[in-house]
C-alpha atoms as a PDB file:
ATOM      1  CA  UNK A   1     124.130  93.896  79.738  1.00  0.00           C
ATOM      2  CA  UNK A   2     121.514  92.991  82.341  1.00  0.00           C
ATOM      3  CA  UNK A   3     118.083  92.516  80.841  1.00  0.00           C
ATOM      4  CA  UNK A   4     116.288  95.090  82.976  1.00  0.00           C
ATOM      5  CA  UNK A   5     115.195  98.666  83.379  1.00  0.00           C
ATOM      6  CA  UNK A   6     117.774 101.380  83.998  1.00  0.00           C
ATOM      7  CA  UNK A   7     117.462 105.028  85.018  1.00  0.00           C
ATOM      8  CA  UNK A   8     120.136 106.715  82.952  1.00  0.00           C
ATOM      9  CA  UNK A   9     121.332 110.119  81.819  1.00  0.00           C
ATOM     10  CA  UNK A  10     120.384 111.023  78.250  1.00  0.00           C
ATOM     11  CA  UNK A  11     124.081 111.502  77.515  1.00  0.00           C
ATOM     12  CA  UNK A  12     124.664 107.791  78.178  1.00  0.00           C
ATOM     13  CA  UNK A  13     121.808 106.649  75.911  1.00  0.00           C
ATOM     14  CA  UNK A  14     122.613 106.042  72.246  1.00  0.00           C
ATOM     15  CA  UNK A  15     120.458 108.347  70.113  1.00  0.00           C
ATOM     16  CA  UNK A  16     121.543 106.397  67.011  1.00  0.00           C
ATOM     17  CA  UNK A  17     119.880 103.211  68.264  1.00  0.00           C
ATOM     18  CA  UNK A  18     117.284 102.134  65.675  1.00  0.00           C
ATOM     19  CA  UNK A  19     114.691 102.227  68.468  1.00  0.00           C
ATOM     20  CA  UNK A  20     114.480 106.011  68.035  1.00  0.00           C
ATOM     21  CA  UNK A  21     113.835 105.961  64.260  1.00  0.00           C
ATOM     22  CA  UNK A  22     110.039 106.086  64.566  1.00  0.00           C
ATOM     23  CA  UNK A  23     110.245 108.941  67.076  1.00  0.00           C
ATOM     24  CA  UNK A  24     112.498 110.899  64.710  1.00  0.00           C
ATOM     25  CA  UNK A  25     109.949 110.282  61.951  1.00  0.00           C
ATOM     26  CA  UNK A  26     106.913 111.279  64.026  1.00  0.00           C
ATOM     27  CA  UNK A  27     108.474 114.298  65.720  1.00  0.00           C
ATOM     28  CA  UNK A  28     110.440 116.807  63.594  1.00  0.00           C
ATOM     29  CA  UNK A  29     113.257 118.174  65.721  1.00  0.00           C
ATOM     30  CA  UNK A  30     113.450 115.080  67.936  1.00  0.00           C
ATOM     31  CA  UNK A  31     117.253 114.990  67.606  1.00  0.00           C
ATOM     32  CA  UNK A  32     117.543 118.618  68.693  1.00  0.00           C
ATOM     33  CA  UNK A  33     115.187 118.015  71.619  1.00  0.00           C
ATOM     34  CA  UNK A  34     117.176 114.954  72.653  1.00  0.00           C
ATOM     35  CA  UNK A  35     120.493 116.844  72.603  1.00  0.00           C
ATOM     36  CA  UNK A  36     118.939 119.577  74.767  1.00  0.00           C
ATOM     37  CA  UNK A  37     118.107 116.920  77.368  1.00  0.00           C
ATOM     38  CA  UNK A  38     121.682 115.647  77.207  1.00  0.00           C
ATOM     39  CA  UNK A  39     122.998 119.177  77.748  1.00  0.00           C
ATOM     40  CA  UNK A  40     120.757 119.629  80.805  1.00  0.00           C
ATOM     41  CA  UNK A  41     121.931 116.348  82.362  1.00  0.00           C
ATOM     42  CA  UNK A  42     118.420 114.882  82.401  1.00  0.00           C
ATOM     43  CA  UNK A  43     117.482 111.234  82.955  1.00  0.00           C
ATOM     44  CA  UNK A  44     115.114 108.680  81.417  1.00  0.00           C
ATOM     45  CA  UNK A  45     114.068 105.095  82.104  1.00  0.00           C
ATOM     46  CA  UNK A  46     115.498 102.729  79.504  1.00  0.00           C
ATOM     47  CA  UNK A  47     114.813  99.051  78.906  1.00  0.00           C
ATOM     48  CA  UNK A  48     117.649  97.243  77.138  1.00  0.00           C
ATOM     49  CA  UNK A  49     117.601  93.874  75.443  1.00  0.00           C
ATOM     50  CA  UNK A  50     120.299  91.336  76.241  1.00  0.00           C
ATOM     51  CA  UNK A  51     122.273  92.514  73.176  1.00  0.00           C
ATOM     52  CA  UNK A  52     122.362  96.110  74.429  1.00  0.00           C
ATOM     53  CA  UNK A  53     119.755  97.471  72.011  1.00  0.00           C
ATOM     54  CA  UNK A  54     116.904  99.565  73.390  1.00  0.00           C
ATOM     55  CA  UNK A  55     113.327  98.240  73.483  1.00  0.00           C
ATOM     56  CA  UNK A  56     111.652 100.623  75.929  1.00  0.00           C
ATOM     57  CA  UNK A  57     112.029 104.319  76.836  1.00  0.00           C
ATOM     58  CA  UNK A  58     110.183 106.491  79.365  1.00  0.00           C
ATOM     59  CA  UNK A  59     110.810 110.177  80.065  1.00  0.00           C
ATOM     60  CA  UNK A  60     108.767 112.132  82.609  1.00  0.00           C
ATOM     61  CA  UNK A  61     109.070 115.775  83.637  1.00  0.00           C
ATOM     62  CA  UNK A  62     107.541 118.454  85.818  1.00  0.00           C
ATOM     63  CA  UNK A  63     105.465 120.704  83.550  1.00  0.00           C
ATOM     64  CA  UNK A  64     104.700 123.276  86.221  1.00  0.00           C
ATOM     65  CA  UNK A  65     101.158 124.465  86.856  1.00  0.00           C
ATOM     66  CA  UNK A  66     100.155 125.566  83.336  1.00  0.00           C
ATOM     67  CA  UNK A  67     100.608 123.735  80.021  1.00  0.00           C
ATOM     68  CA  UNK A  68     100.048 126.225  77.204  1.00  0.00           C
ATOM     69  CA  UNK A  69     101.061 124.216  74.117  1.00  0.00           C
ATOM     70  CA  UNK A  70      97.912 122.077  74.251  1.00  0.00           C
ATOM     71  CA  UNK A  71      94.288 122.995  73.560  1.00  0.00           C
ATOM     72  CA  UNK A  72      92.526 123.627  75.807  1.00  0.00           C
ATOM     73  CA  UNK A  73      95.268 124.818  78.169  1.00  0.00           C
ATOM     74  CA  UNK A  74      95.902 122.563  81.182  1.00  0.00           C
ATOM     75  CA  UNK A  75      96.014 124.147  84.628  1.00  0.00           C
ATOM     76  CA  UNK A  76      96.792 122.536  87.985  1.00  0.00           C
ATOM     77  CA  UNK A  77      98.874 122.926  91.125  1.00  0.00           C
ATOM     78  CA  UNK A  78     101.515 120.550  89.771  1.00  0.00           C
ATOM     79  CA  UNK A  79     101.422 118.711  86.437  1.00  0.00           C
ATOM     80  CA  UNK A  80     103.522 115.713  85.411  1.00  0.00           C
ATOM     81  CA  UNK A  81     104.177 115.197  81.713  1.00  0.00           C
ATOM     82  CA  UNK A  82     104.838 111.706  80.389  1.00  0.00           C
ATOM     83  CA  UNK A  83     107.046 113.155  77.680  1.00  0.00           C
ATOM     84  CA  UNK A  84     108.260 110.086  75.828  1.00  0.00           C
ATOM     85  CA  UNK A  85     106.682 106.651  76.209  1.00  0.00           C
ATOM     86  CA  UNK A  86     107.693 104.064  73.629  1.00  0.00           C
ATOM     87  CA  UNK A  87     108.016 100.296  73.706  1.00  0.00           C
ATOM     88  CA  UNK A  88     108.896  97.806  71.011  1.00  0.00           C
ATOM     89  CA  UNK A  89     106.135  95.202  71.526  1.00  0.00           C
ATOM     90  CA  UNK A  90     107.484  91.943  72.948  1.00  0.00           C
ATOM     91  CA  UNK A  91     104.562  90.609  75.036  1.00  0.00           C
ATOM     92  CA  UNK A  92     105.965  91.346  78.509  1.00  0.00           C
ATOM     93  CA  UNK A  93     103.542  94.118  79.599  1.00  0.00           C
ATOM     94  CA  UNK A  94     106.412  96.579  79.988  1.00  0.00           C
ATOM     95  CA  UNK A  95     103.888  99.336  79.262  1.00  0.00           C
ATOM     96  CA  UNK A  96     102.128  98.591  82.549  1.00  0.00           C
ATOM     97  CA  UNK A  97     105.420  98.811  84.402  1.00  0.00           C
ATOM     98  CA  UNK A  98     106.116 102.194  82.797  1.00  0.00           C
ATOM     99  CA  UNK A  99     102.666 103.463  83.797  1.00  0.00           C
ATOM    100  CA  UNK A 100     103.238 102.309  87.377  1.00  0.00           C
ATOM    101  CA  UNK A 101     106.592 104.130  87.459  1.00  0.00           C
ATOM    102  CA  UNK A 102     104.994 107.360  86.214  1.00  0.00           C
ATOM    103  CA  UNK A 103     102.031 107.201  88.602  1.00  0.00           C
ATOM    104  CA  UNK A 104     104.201 106.277  91.592  1.00  0.00           C
ATOM    105  CA  UNK A 105     106.441 109.255  90.818  1.00  0.00           C
ATOM    106  CA  UNK A 106     103.411 111.535  90.524  1.00  0.00           C
ATOM    107  CA  UNK A 107     102.166 110.461  93.952  1.00  0.00           C
ATOM    108  CA  UNK A 108     105.524 110.591  95.702  1.00  0.00           C
ATOM    109  CA  UNK A 109     106.146 114.119  94.405  1.00  0.00           C
ATOM    110  CA  UNK A 110     102.657 115.496  95.035  1.00  0.00           C
ATOM    111  CA  UNK A 111     101.379 116.013  91.484  1.00  0.00           C
ATOM    112  CA  UNK A 112      97.727 116.917  90.955  1.00  0.00           C
ATOM    113  CA  UNK A 113      97.540 115.358  87.501  1.00  0.00           C
ATOM    114  CA  UNK A 114      99.604 113.808  84.746  1.00  0.00           C
ATOM    115  CA  UNK A 115      99.175 113.818  80.986  1.00  0.00           C
ATOM    116  CA  UNK A 116     100.510 112.273  77.807  1.00  0.00           C
ATOM    117  CA  UNK A 117     100.145 113.165  74.115  1.00  0.00           C
ATOM    118  CA  UNK A 118      99.510 110.329  71.645  1.00  0.00           C
ATOM    119  CA  UNK A 119      98.877 110.143  67.898  1.00  0.00           C
ATOM    120  CA  UNK A 120      95.542 108.510  67.012  1.00  0.00           C
ATOM    121  CA  UNK A 121      97.322 105.731  65.103  1.00  0.00           C
ATOM    122  CA  UNK A 122      98.711 104.270  68.347  1.00  0.00           C
ATOM    123  CA  UNK A 123      95.506 102.454  69.320  1.00  0.00           C
ATOM    124  CA  UNK A 124      97.156  99.958  71.665  1.00  0.00           C
ATOM    125  CA  UNK A 125      98.900 102.699  73.630  1.00  0.00           C
ATOM    126  CA  UNK A 126      95.683 104.705  73.890  1.00  0.00           C
ATOM    127  CA  UNK A 127      93.816 101.660  75.208  1.00  0.00           C
ATOM    128  CA  UNK A 128      96.537 101.101  77.812  1.00  0.00           C
ATOM    129  CA  UNK A 129      96.346 104.643  79.171  1.00  0.00           C
ATOM    130  CA  UNK A 130      92.536 104.653  79.124  1.00  0.00           C
ATOM    131  CA  UNK A 131      92.505 101.419  81.118  1.00  0.00           C
ATOM    132  CA  UNK A 132      94.204 103.251  84.005  1.00  0.00           C
ATOM    133  CA  UNK A 133      92.008 106.333  83.954  1.00  0.00           C
ATOM    134  CA  UNK A 134      93.508 108.688  81.379  1.00  0.00           C
ATOM    135  CA  UNK A 135      90.838 110.573  79.421  1.00  0.00           C
ATOM    136  CA  UNK A 136      91.055 112.532  76.188  1.00  0.00           C
ATOM    137  CA  UNK A 137      90.799 116.227  77.025  1.00  0.00           C
ATOM    138  CA  UNK A 138      92.296 118.034  74.060  1.00  0.00           C
ATOM    139  CA  UNK A 139      94.835 118.178  71.261  1.00  0.00           C
ATOM    140  CA  UNK A 140      98.377 119.317  70.593  1.00  0.00           C
ATOM    141  CA  UNK A 141      99.930 120.392  67.305  1.00  0.00           C
ATOM    142  CA  UNK A 142     103.142 118.487  66.533  1.00  0.00           C
ATOM    143  CA  UNK A 143     104.666 119.861  63.350  1.00  0.00           C
ATOM    144  CA  UNK A 144     102.079 119.264  60.630  1.00  0.00           C
ATOM    145  CA  UNK A 145     100.285 116.629  62.697  1.00  0.00           C
ATOM    146  CA  UNK A 146      97.873 116.588  65.635  1.00  0.00           C
ATOM    147  CA  UNK A 147      98.267 114.541  68.822  1.00  0.00           C
ATOM    148  CA  UNK A 148      95.521 113.836  71.331  1.00  0.00           C
ATOM    149  CA  UNK A 149      96.032 114.878  74.946  1.00  0.00           C
ATOM    150  CA  UNK A 150      95.136 112.269  77.591  1.00  0.00           C
ATOM    151  CA  UNK A 151      94.909 113.424  81.207  1.00  0.00           C
ATOM    152  CA  UNK A 152      94.607 111.622  84.534  1.00  0.00           C
ATOM    153  CA  UNK A 153      93.378 113.860  87.356  1.00  0.00           C
ATOM    154  CA  UNK A 154      93.866 112.222  90.724  1.00  0.00           C
ATOM    155  CA  UNK A 155      90.981 114.192  92.227  1.00  0.00           C
ATOM    156  CA  UNK A 156      88.544 112.891  89.590  1.00  0.00           C
ATOM    157  CA  UNK A 157      87.385 109.507  90.858  1.00  0.00           C
ATOM    158  CA  UNK A 158      85.561 107.001  88.665  1.00  0.00           C
ATOM    159  CA  UNK A 159      84.635 104.330  91.236  1.00  0.00           C
ATOM    160  CA  UNK A 160      86.649 101.797  89.249  1.00  0.00           C
ATOM    161  CA  UNK A 161      89.682 100.111  90.833  1.00  0.00           C
ATOM    162  CA  UNK A 162      91.609 100.127  87.530  1.00  0.00           C
ATOM    163  CA  UNK A 163      90.699 103.619  86.318  1.00  0.00           C
ATOM    164  CA  UNK A 164      91.328 105.055  89.804  1.00  0.00           C
ATOM    165  CA  UNK A 165      94.647 103.171  90.100  1.00  0.00           C
ATOM    166  CA  UNK A 166      96.807 103.567  92.145  1.00  0.00           C
ATOM    167  CA  UNK A 167      94.224 105.117  94.486  1.00  0.00           C
ATOM    168  CA  UNK A 168      92.606 102.721  96.956  1.00  0.00           C
ATOM    169  CA  UNK A 169      89.197 102.926  98.584  1.00  0.00           C
ATOM    170  CA  UNK A 170      89.652 101.687 102.158  1.00  0.00           C
ATOM    171  CA  UNK A 171      86.113 102.395 103.338  1.00  0.00           C
ATOM    172  CA  UNK A 172      83.634  99.535 103.701  1.00  0.00           C
ATOM    173  CA  UNK A 173      86.099  96.933 102.448  1.00  0.00           C
ATOM    174  CA  UNK A 174      87.912  94.197 104.339  1.00  0.00           C
ATOM    175  CA  UNK A 175      91.668  94.003 104.837  1.00  0.00           C
ATOM    176  CA  UNK A 176      93.764  90.841 104.984  1.00  0.00           C
ATOM    177  CA  UNK A 177      97.289  89.545 105.471  1.00  0.00           C
ATOM    178  CA  UNK A 178      98.328  87.180 102.668  1.00  0.00           C
ATOM    179  CA  UNK A 179     101.638  85.303 102.829  1.00  0.00           C
ATOM    180  CA  UNK A 180     103.989  84.817  99.882  1.00  0.00           C
ATOM    181  CA  UNK A 181     107.234  82.833  99.729  1.00  0.00           C
ATOM    182  CA  UNK A 182     110.495  84.741  99.121  1.00  0.00           C
ATOM    183  CA  UNK A 183     111.227  82.895  95.860  1.00  0.00           C
ATOM    184  CA  UNK A 184     108.014  84.284  94.359  1.00  0.00           C
ATOM    185  CA  UNK A 185     107.819  87.654  96.107  1.00  0.00           C
ATOM    186  CA  UNK A 186     110.231  89.930  94.277  1.00  0.00           C
ATOM    187  CA  UNK A 187     109.773  88.366  90.854  1.00  0.00           C
ATOM    188  CA  UNK A 188     106.069  89.234  91.048  1.00  0.00           C
ATOM    189  CA  UNK A 189     106.442  92.504  92.969  1.00  0.00           C
ATOM    190  CA  UNK A 190     109.684  94.134  91.732  1.00  0.00           C
ATOM    191  CA  UNK A 191     109.206  97.508  93.457  1.00  0.00           C
ATOM    192  CA  UNK A 192     108.852  95.663  96.782  1.00  0.00           C
ATOM    193  CA  UNK A 193     112.372  94.251  96.526  1.00  0.00           C
ATOM    194  CA  UNK A 194     114.171  94.129  99.891  1.00  0.00           C
ATOM    195  CA  UNK A 195     117.547  95.788 100.481  1.00  0.00           C
ATOM    196  CA  UNK A 196     118.945  92.308 101.203  1.00  0.00           C
ATOM    197  CA  UNK A 197     118.103  91.362  97.595  1.00  0.00           C
ATOM    198  CA  UNK A 198     120.354  93.967  95.959  1.00  0.00           C
ATOM    199  CA  UNK A 199     122.040  91.410  93.710  1.00  0.00           C
ATOM    200  CA  UNK A 200     118.778  89.949  92.447  1.00  0.00           C
ATOM    201  CA  UNK A 201     118.189  90.672  88.754  1.00  0.00           C
ATOM    202  CA  UNK A 202     114.564  91.538  87.963  1.00  0.00           C
ATOM    203  CA  UNK A 203     113.853  90.113  84.510  1.00  0.00           C
ATOM    204  CA  UNK A 204     111.639  91.572  81.798  1.00  0.00           C
ATOM    205  CA  UNK A 205     108.752  89.123  81.971  1.00  0.00           C
ATOM    206  CA  UNK A 206     104.997  89.640  81.962  1.00  0.00           C
ATOM    207  CA  UNK A 207     104.219  88.675  85.570  1.00  0.00           C
ATOM    208  CA  UNK A 208     106.965  91.046  86.753  1.00  0.00           C
ATOM    209  CA  UNK A 209     105.935  94.031  84.632  1.00  0.00           C
ATOM    210  CA  UNK A 210     102.176  93.736  84.934  1.00  0.00           C
ATOM    211  CA  UNK A 211     100.136  95.886  87.297  1.00  0.00           C
ATOM    212  CA  UNK A 212      97.846  92.863  87.606  1.00  0.00           C
ATOM    213  CA  UNK A 213      98.969  89.772  89.525  1.00  0.00           C
ATOM    214  CA  UNK A 214      97.502  86.301  89.962  1.00  0.00           C
ATOM    215  CA  UNK A 215      98.199  84.500  93.241  1.00  0.00           C
ATOM    216  CA  UNK A 216      97.468  80.755  93.313  1.00  0.00           C
ATOM    217  CA  UNK A 217      96.912  78.818  96.545  1.00  0.00           C
ATOM    218  CA  UNK A 218      94.685  76.332  98.377  1.00  0.00           C
ATOM    219  CA  UNK A 219      93.990  78.565 101.393  1.00  0.00           C
ATOM    220  CA  UNK A 220      90.516  79.877 102.187  1.00  0.00           C
ATOM    221  CA  UNK A 221      90.818  83.018 100.096  1.00  0.00           C
ATOM    222  CA  UNK A 222      87.393  82.557  98.487  1.00  0.00           C
ATOM    223  CA  UNK A 223      86.027  84.991 101.088  1.00  0.00           C
ATOM    224  CA  UNK A 224      87.885  87.817  99.326  1.00  0.00           C
ATOM    225  CA  UNK A 225      85.709  90.252  97.365  1.00  0.00           C
ATOM    226  CA  UNK A 226      86.438  92.812  94.670  1.00  0.00           C
ATOM    227  CA  UNK A 227      87.904  95.925  96.290  1.00  0.00           C
ATOM    228  CA  UNK A 228      89.178  94.152  99.410  1.00  0.00           C
ATOM    229  CA  UNK A 229      92.717  95.074 100.413  1.00  0.00           C
ATOM    230  CA  UNK A 230      95.547  92.578 100.748  1.00  0.00           C
ATOM    231  CA  UNK A 231      98.776  93.252 102.664  1.00  0.00           C
ATOM    232  CA  UNK A 232     101.463  90.899 101.399  1.00  0.00           C
ATOM    233  CA  UNK A 233     103.556  89.173 104.042  1.00  0.00           C
ATOM    234  CA  UNK A 234     106.888  87.915 102.721  1.00  0.00           C
ATOM    235  CA  UNK A 235     107.781  84.853 104.762  1.00  0.00           C
ATOM    236  CA  UNK A 236     111.181  84.095 106.318  1.00  0.00           C
ATOM    237  CA  UNK A 237     114.144  83.307 104.095  1.00  0.00           C
ATOM    238  CA  UNK A 238     116.594  81.102 105.966  1.00  0.00           C
ATOM    239  CA  UNK A 239     116.670  83.040 109.233  1.00  0.00           C
ATOM    240  CA  UNK A 240     114.382  83.773 112.164  1.00  0.00           C
ATOM    241  CA  UNK A 241     110.852  84.625 111.061  1.00  0.00           C
ATOM    242  CA  UNK A 242     110.687  87.168 113.871  1.00  0.00           C
ATOM    243  CA  UNK A 243     112.996  89.569 112.049  1.00  0.00           C
ATOM    244  CA  UNK A 244     113.039  88.357 108.428  1.00  0.00           C
ATOM    245  CA  UNK A 245     109.318  87.859 107.757  1.00  0.00           C
ATOM    246  CA  UNK A 246     108.009  91.240 106.677  1.00  0.00           C
ATOM    247  CA  UNK A 247     105.013  93.047 105.152  1.00  0.00           C
ATOM    248  CA  UNK A 248     106.008  94.745 101.908  1.00  0.00           C
ATOM    249  CA  UNK A 249     103.097  95.473  99.624  1.00  0.00           C
ATOM    250  CA  UNK A 250      99.467  96.551  99.352  1.00  0.00           C
ATOM    251  CA  UNK A 251      97.224  95.115  96.638  1.00  0.00           C
ATOM    252  CA  UNK A 252      93.543  95.460  95.770  1.00  0.00           C
ATOM    253  CA  UNK A 253      91.515  92.382  94.878  1.00  0.00           C
ATOM    254  CA  UNK A 254      89.981  92.267  91.396  1.00  0.00           C
ATOM    255  CA  UNK A 255      88.424  88.813  91.551  1.00  0.00           C
ATOM    256  CA  UNK A 256      88.782  85.332  93.015  1.00  0.00           C
ATOM    257  CA  UNK A 257      88.193  82.195  90.957  1.00  0.00           C
ATOM    258  CA  UNK A 258      87.814  78.683  92.313  1.00  0.00           C
ATOM    259  CA  UNK A 259      89.122  75.673  90.427  1.00  0.00           C
ATOM    260  CA  UNK A 260      85.560  74.593  89.644  1.00  0.00           C
ATOM    261  CA  UNK A 261      85.080  77.765  87.584  1.00  0.00           C
ATOM    262  CA  UNK A 262      87.638  76.622  85.006  1.00  0.00           C
ATOM    263  CA  UNK A 263      86.674  74.139  82.278  1.00  0.00           C
ATOM    264  CA  UNK A 264      89.978  72.285  82.469  1.00  0.00           C
ATOM    265  CA  UNK A 265      93.667  72.802  83.180  1.00  0.00           C
ATOM    266  CA  UNK A 266      94.263  74.689  79.918  1.00  0.00           C
ATOM    267  CA  UNK A 267      91.559  77.160  80.850  1.00  0.00           C
ATOM    268  CA  UNK A 268      93.146  77.610  84.283  1.00  0.00           C
ATOM    269  CA  UNK A 269      96.639  77.906  82.793  1.00  0.00           C
ATOM    270  CA  UNK A 270      95.596  80.533  80.243  1.00  0.00           C
ATOM    271  CA  UNK A 271      94.020  82.610  83.012  1.00  0.00           C
ATOM    272  CA  UNK A 272      96.903  82.459  85.470  1.00  0.00           C
ATOM    273  CA  UNK A 273     100.092  82.101  83.437  1.00  0.00           C
ATOM    274  CA  UNK A 274     100.731  85.634  82.203  1.00  0.00           C
ATOM    275  CA  UNK A 275     100.064  87.240  85.588  1.00  0.00           C
ATOM    276  CA  UNK A 276     101.568  84.558  87.819  1.00  0.00           C
ATOM    277  CA  UNK A 277     105.145  83.640  88.687  1.00  0.00           C
ATOM    278  CA  UNK A 278     104.379  79.929  88.394  1.00  0.00           C
ATOM    279  CA  UNK A 279     105.657  77.849  85.494  1.00  0.00           C
ATOM    280  CA  UNK A 280     103.289  75.511  83.667  1.00  0.00           C
ATOM    281  CA  UNK A 281     104.367  72.504  85.762  1.00  0.00           C
ATOM    282  CA  UNK A 282     103.826  74.507  88.972  1.00  0.00           C
ATOM    283  CA  UNK A 283     100.317  75.450  87.933  1.00  0.00           C
ATOM    284  CA  UNK A 284      99.615  71.860  86.949  1.00  0.00           C
ATOM    285  CA  UNK A 285     100.761  70.756  90.415  1.00  0.00           C
ATOM    286  CA  UNK A 286      98.303  73.122  92.091  1.00  0.00           C
ATOM    287  CA  UNK A 287      95.515  72.178  89.710  1.00  0.00           C
ATOM    288  CA  UNK A 288      96.074  68.458  90.231  1.00  0.00           C
ATOM    289  CA  UNK A 289      95.967  68.922  94.026  1.00  0.00           C
ATOM    290  CA  UNK A 290      92.452  70.215  93.647  1.00  0.00           C
ATOM    291  CA  UNK A 291      90.530  72.977  95.431  1.00  0.00           C
ATOM    292  CA  UNK A 292      92.984  75.637  94.310  1.00  0.00           C
ATOM    293  CA  UNK A 293      92.011  79.285  93.971  1.00  0.00           C
ATOM    294  CA  UNK A 294      93.353  82.104  91.832  1.00  0.00           C
ATOM    295  CA  UNK A 295      93.315  85.633  93.255  1.00  0.00           C
ATOM    296  CA  UNK A 296      93.693  88.386  90.675  1.00  0.00           C
ATOM    297  CA  UNK A 297      94.770  91.678  92.210  1.00  0.00           C
ATOM    298  CA  UNK A 298      96.255  95.082  91.446  1.00  0.00           C
ATOM    299  CA  UNK A 299      99.793  95.901  92.584  1.00  0.00           C
ATOM    300  CA  UNK A 300      99.141  99.315  94.151  1.00  0.00           C
ATOM    301  CA  UNK A 301     101.811 100.165  96.718  1.00  0.00           C
ATOM    302  CA  UNK A 302     105.279  99.020  97.715  1.00  0.00           C
ATOM    303  CA  UNK A 303     105.529 100.020 101.382  1.00  0.00           C
ATOM    304  CA  UNK A 304     108.258 102.658 101.928  1.00  0.00           C
ATOM    305  CA  UNK A 305     109.260 101.051 105.240  1.00  0.00           C
ATOM    306  CA  UNK A 306     108.843  97.309 105.733  1.00  0.00           C
ATOM    307  CA  UNK A 307     107.548  95.992 109.070  1.00  0.00           C
ATOM    308  CA  UNK A 308     108.971  92.769 110.486  1.00  0.00           C
ATOM    309  CA  UNK A 309     106.891  90.102 112.212  1.00  0.00           C
ATOM    310  CA  UNK A 310     108.222  91.101 115.655  1.00  0.00           C
ATOM    311  CA  UNK A 311     106.864  94.628 115.263  1.00  0.00           C
ATOM    312  CA  UNK A 312     103.603  93.480 113.704  1.00  0.00           C
ATOM    313  CA  UNK A 313     102.967  91.431 116.854  1.00  0.00           C
ATOM    314  CA  UNK A 314     104.400  93.673 119.558  1.00  0.00           C
ATOM    315  CA  UNK A 315     103.584  97.123 118.182  1.00  0.00           C
ATOM    316  CA  UNK A 316     100.518  96.623 116.006  1.00  0.00           C
ATOM    317  CA  UNK A 317      98.859  93.825 117.943  1.00  0.00           C
ATOM    318  CA  UNK A 318      98.668  90.997 115.427  1.00  0.00           C
ATOM    319  CA  UNK A 319      98.164  87.590 117.017  1.00  0.00           C
ATOM    320  CA  UNK A 320     101.324  85.471 117.200  1.00  0.00           C
ATOM    321  CA  UNK A 321      99.203  82.306 117.250  1.00  0.00           C
ATOM    322  CA  UNK A 322      97.218  83.228 114.146  1.00  0.00           C
ATOM    323  CA  UNK A 323      97.672  81.215 110.947  1.00  0.00           C
ATOM    324  CA  UNK A 324      99.864  83.687 109.061  1.00  0.00           C
ATOM    325  CA  UNK A 325      99.084  82.351 105.603  1.00  0.00           C
ATOM    326  CA  UNK A 326      95.850  84.331 105.393  1.00  0.00           C
ATOM    327  CA  UNK A 327      93.846  86.231 108.002  1.00  0.00           C
ATOM    328  CA  UNK A 328      91.730  89.344 108.362  1.00  0.00           C
ATOM    329  CA  UNK A 329      93.011  92.629 109.794  1.00  0.00           C
ATOM    330  CA  UNK A 330      90.922  95.087 111.748  1.00  0.00           C
ATOM    331  CA  UNK A 331      90.678  98.630 110.383  1.00  0.00           C
ATOM    332  CA  UNK A 332      92.812  99.853 113.293  1.00  0.00           C
ATOM    333  CA  UNK A 333      95.511  97.267 112.577  1.00  0.00           C
ATOM    334  CA  UNK A 334      95.553  98.190 108.895  1.00  0.00           C
ATOM    335  CA  UNK A 335      95.802 101.904 109.705  1.00  0.00           C
ATOM    336  CA  UNK A 336      98.652 101.148 112.123  1.00  0.00           C
ATOM    337  CA  UNK A 337     100.502  99.301 109.345  1.00  0.00           C
ATOM    338  CA  UNK A 338     100.084 102.332 107.072  1.00  0.00           C
ATOM    339  CA  UNK A 339     101.401 104.667 109.758  1.00  0.00           C
ATOM    340  CA  UNK A 340     104.348 102.531 110.793  1.00  0.00           C
ATOM    341  CA  UNK A 341     105.324 101.808 107.172  1.00  0.00           C
ATOM    342  CA  UNK A 342     105.262 105.560 106.425  1.00  0.00           C
ATOM    343  CA  UNK A 343     102.877 105.001 103.526  1.00  0.00           C
ATOM    344  CA  UNK A 344     101.619 108.119 101.757  1.00  0.00           C
ATOM    345  CA  UNK A 345      97.992 108.407 102.867  1.00  0.00           C
ATOM    346  CA  UNK A 346      97.124 110.323  99.697  1.00  0.00           C
ATOM    347  CA  UNK A 347      96.843 106.905  98.045  1.00  0.00           C
ATOM    348  CA  UNK A 348      93.658 106.265 100.018  1.00  0.00           C
ATOM    349  CA  UNK A 349      90.177 107.507  99.298  1.00  0.00           C
END
């Protein structure tokens, strides 16, 4: 079995897998609930190990405009429930990938808010949701136990690029094109996978799953500031750049570190390795070259429609003679990219 995420019907997911034992223990009636989802033909996201056993499960559902089984009652135009969110810890940041899936779904389907219920004992899970803007707003009775209700309201901004994620402030920030080679692109940005890469297996590894990414280079990216917007430009892969080089992704800069800010290679490696596609020897190569920079950024949006180099030049007005590794975009050029890529403008503040 491929070691990746699948979107499957409940009826095709083995309820007897030991993965579900803790859920059966925590939630009386879990088996009955699960069978009801099978009968309705519903789907969930499932992460399998190489041996076919489950190690991650995500179920989301439309909970309408009123949620009455929590206190206080939740009301909104459209509410998304993260109904089941469980991961067997294995240090790959799969939880971040699950959160991105849920939030992307909420945005694409026009939800006003989303919520999750969590027992207090799950400290790590609570910290993960709080990191991306979920706040405790109430409680829910589950059998003899009490769960806490954590809510993320997209209209409630916190002026924090992580807590507001995936929302992006595009006012008073600079926008840039940043190039990335094909061999690194989809491994780091799995939701930005091109249709020509349909046979590429996206592995369960930390730099793939994480919402945070670290990009290492020697270009002049030190001018980037927190909150600046980066449009990723996937370079050509064996054919004409005119029609195979393409913009795919929008990220928000968290920080930029120069090589001189790290004590030594180990310090640099520890910073970059879990968020970067590079192997240790790759990072050592960049470090040994000197003057390298590490850009940490949030993976906010995979563009619905990709724009090739030809159209970027002829329809949006980017300069053919520009150095396409890294350059600044005007606000008008950035807005034109959003329009032509059919990006949901609700992502932008």
